[in-house]
Protein backbone atom coordinates (compact mmCIF):
# COMPACT_ATOMS: atom_id res chain seq x y z
CA MET A 1 36.64 69.98 -9.62
CA LYS A 2 40.38 69.85 -10.19
CA LEU A 3 41.93 69.37 -13.43
CA SER A 4 42.68 65.49 -13.59
CA ASN A 5 45.99 63.91 -13.67
CA SER A 6 46.15 63.11 -17.31
CA PHE A 7 45.51 66.68 -18.10
CA SER A 8 48.00 68.29 -15.67
CA GLY A 9 50.49 65.66 -17.18
CA ALA A 10 49.81 66.63 -20.65
CA LEU A 11 49.38 70.69 -20.35
CA ARG A 12 52.71 69.56 -18.22
CA THR A 13 54.80 67.63 -20.81
CA PHE A 14 53.58 70.33 -23.33
CA ALA A 15 54.86 73.19 -21.55
CA TYR A 16 58.42 72.01 -21.22
CA PHE A 17 58.86 70.98 -24.53
CA ILE A 18 57.64 74.41 -25.99
CA ALA A 19 59.57 76.07 -23.13
CA SER A 20 62.81 74.16 -23.77
CA GLY A 21 63.11 74.21 -27.55
CA THR A 22 63.12 70.53 -27.80
CA HIS A 23 59.05 69.91 -29.34
CA TYR A 24 60.14 67.89 -32.18
CA GLN A 25 57.47 69.06 -34.24
CA LEU A 26 59.33 72.40 -34.05
CA GLU A 27 62.54 71.51 -35.14
CA GLY A 28 64.36 73.97 -37.04
CA VAL A 29 61.80 76.72 -36.39
CA ASN A 30 63.27 79.85 -34.55
CA TYR A 31 60.14 80.59 -31.96
CA LEU A 32 62.45 80.60 -28.59
CA GLU A 33 62.31 84.94 -28.77
CA LEU A 34 58.34 84.62 -28.89
CA PHE A 35 58.43 84.24 -25.38
CA GLY A 36 60.35 88.13 -24.69
CA GLU A 37 59.03 89.69 -27.97
CA GLU A 38 56.10 88.29 -28.66
CA PRO A 39 54.57 86.59 -25.58
CA SER A 40 50.81 86.91 -27.75
CA ALA A 41 52.20 84.43 -30.12
CA ILE A 42 52.36 81.93 -26.96
CA GLU A 43 49.62 83.10 -25.49
CA GLN A 44 47.35 82.30 -28.64
CA ALA A 45 49.40 78.48 -28.82
CA PHE A 46 48.63 77.48 -25.24
CA ALA A 47 44.38 78.92 -25.84
CA ILE A 48 44.43 76.37 -29.13
CA TYR A 49 46.15 73.67 -26.82
CA ALA A 50 43.26 74.03 -24.69
CA ASN A 51 40.17 74.84 -26.63
CA VAL A 52 41.33 71.67 -28.74
CA MET A 53 42.22 69.29 -25.79
CA GLU A 54 38.90 66.53 -25.44
CA LEU A 55 38.44 64.67 -22.13
CA ASP A 56 36.62 61.57 -20.99
CA SER A 57 34.30 61.97 -18.24
CA GLU A 58 36.66 60.58 -15.88
CA GLY A 59 39.24 63.34 -16.94
CA ASN A 60 41.27 61.51 -18.38
CA VAL A 61 43.19 63.28 -22.18
CA LEU A 62 41.89 61.41 -25.17
CA ASN A 63 43.61 63.85 -27.84
CA ALA A 64 46.98 64.90 -26.43
CA LYS A 65 48.95 64.92 -29.59
CA TYR A 66 45.99 66.30 -31.21
CA ALA A 67 46.03 69.17 -29.62
CA GLU A 68 49.85 69.40 -29.73
CA LYS A 69 49.67 69.28 -33.22
CA ARG A 70 46.66 72.39 -33.92
CA ALA A 71 48.91 74.65 -30.93
CA VAL A 72 52.38 74.05 -32.50
CA ASP A 73 51.07 74.25 -36.07
CA TYR A 74 49.88 78.06 -34.87
CA ILE A 75 53.73 79.06 -33.31
CA ARG A 76 55.07 77.46 -37.16
CA SER A 77 52.75 79.72 -39.04
CA TYR A 78 53.82 82.57 -36.79
CA CYS A 79 57.17 82.16 -37.34
CA GLU A 80 57.61 81.26 -41.45
CA PRO A 81 54.36 83.18 -42.94
CA GLY A 82 54.52 80.64 -45.66
CA PHE A 83 53.30 77.54 -43.78
CA GLU A 84 49.95 76.91 -44.25
CA VAL A 85 47.69 75.40 -41.11
CA GLU A 86 45.55 72.54 -42.45
CA PRO A 87 42.99 72.36 -41.84
CA PRO A 88 42.16 76.02 -41.01
CA TYR A 89 41.49 77.04 -37.52
CA GLU A 90 38.07 77.08 -36.90
CA ASP A 91 36.53 80.17 -34.37
CA TRP A 92 36.26 77.98 -31.56
CA GLU A 93 40.18 76.94 -31.50
CA ILE A 94 41.63 79.96 -31.42
CA GLU A 95 39.29 81.76 -28.92
CA LEU A 96 40.51 83.26 -26.31
CA HIS A 97 38.79 83.37 -23.04
CA GLY A 98 38.35 85.62 -20.71
CA ALA A 99 41.43 85.95 -17.77
CA PRO A 100 40.08 84.70 -14.20
CA SER A 101 39.21 87.03 -11.23
CA LEU A 102 42.09 88.79 -9.57
CA ILE A 103 40.50 87.64 -5.92
CA ASP A 104 40.42 83.92 -5.65
CA LYS A 105 36.70 82.18 -4.70
CA ILE A 106 38.10 79.59 -2.70
């Protein structure tokens, strides 16, 4: 099974706005340096995005903006220690799942 076009489009859009420094929810937050200096913060944000994402039975994204908000709130809280994420993250949202095998199975 492949990822749906809906999910692919949502992920691509989120990645673009994060990598370009133009995500509207991070205006005024100096986070681009995290890419070179603190990549684990970006890794965690993408993990949150993927963990929170919900799809219907046909693979259509149901909550792209909420998944973005949860991920972006992590970046903001990382860069601005006084920022409080509401509601606080649940364990399943911040879980880092295992990496795939180094060898493809196809």
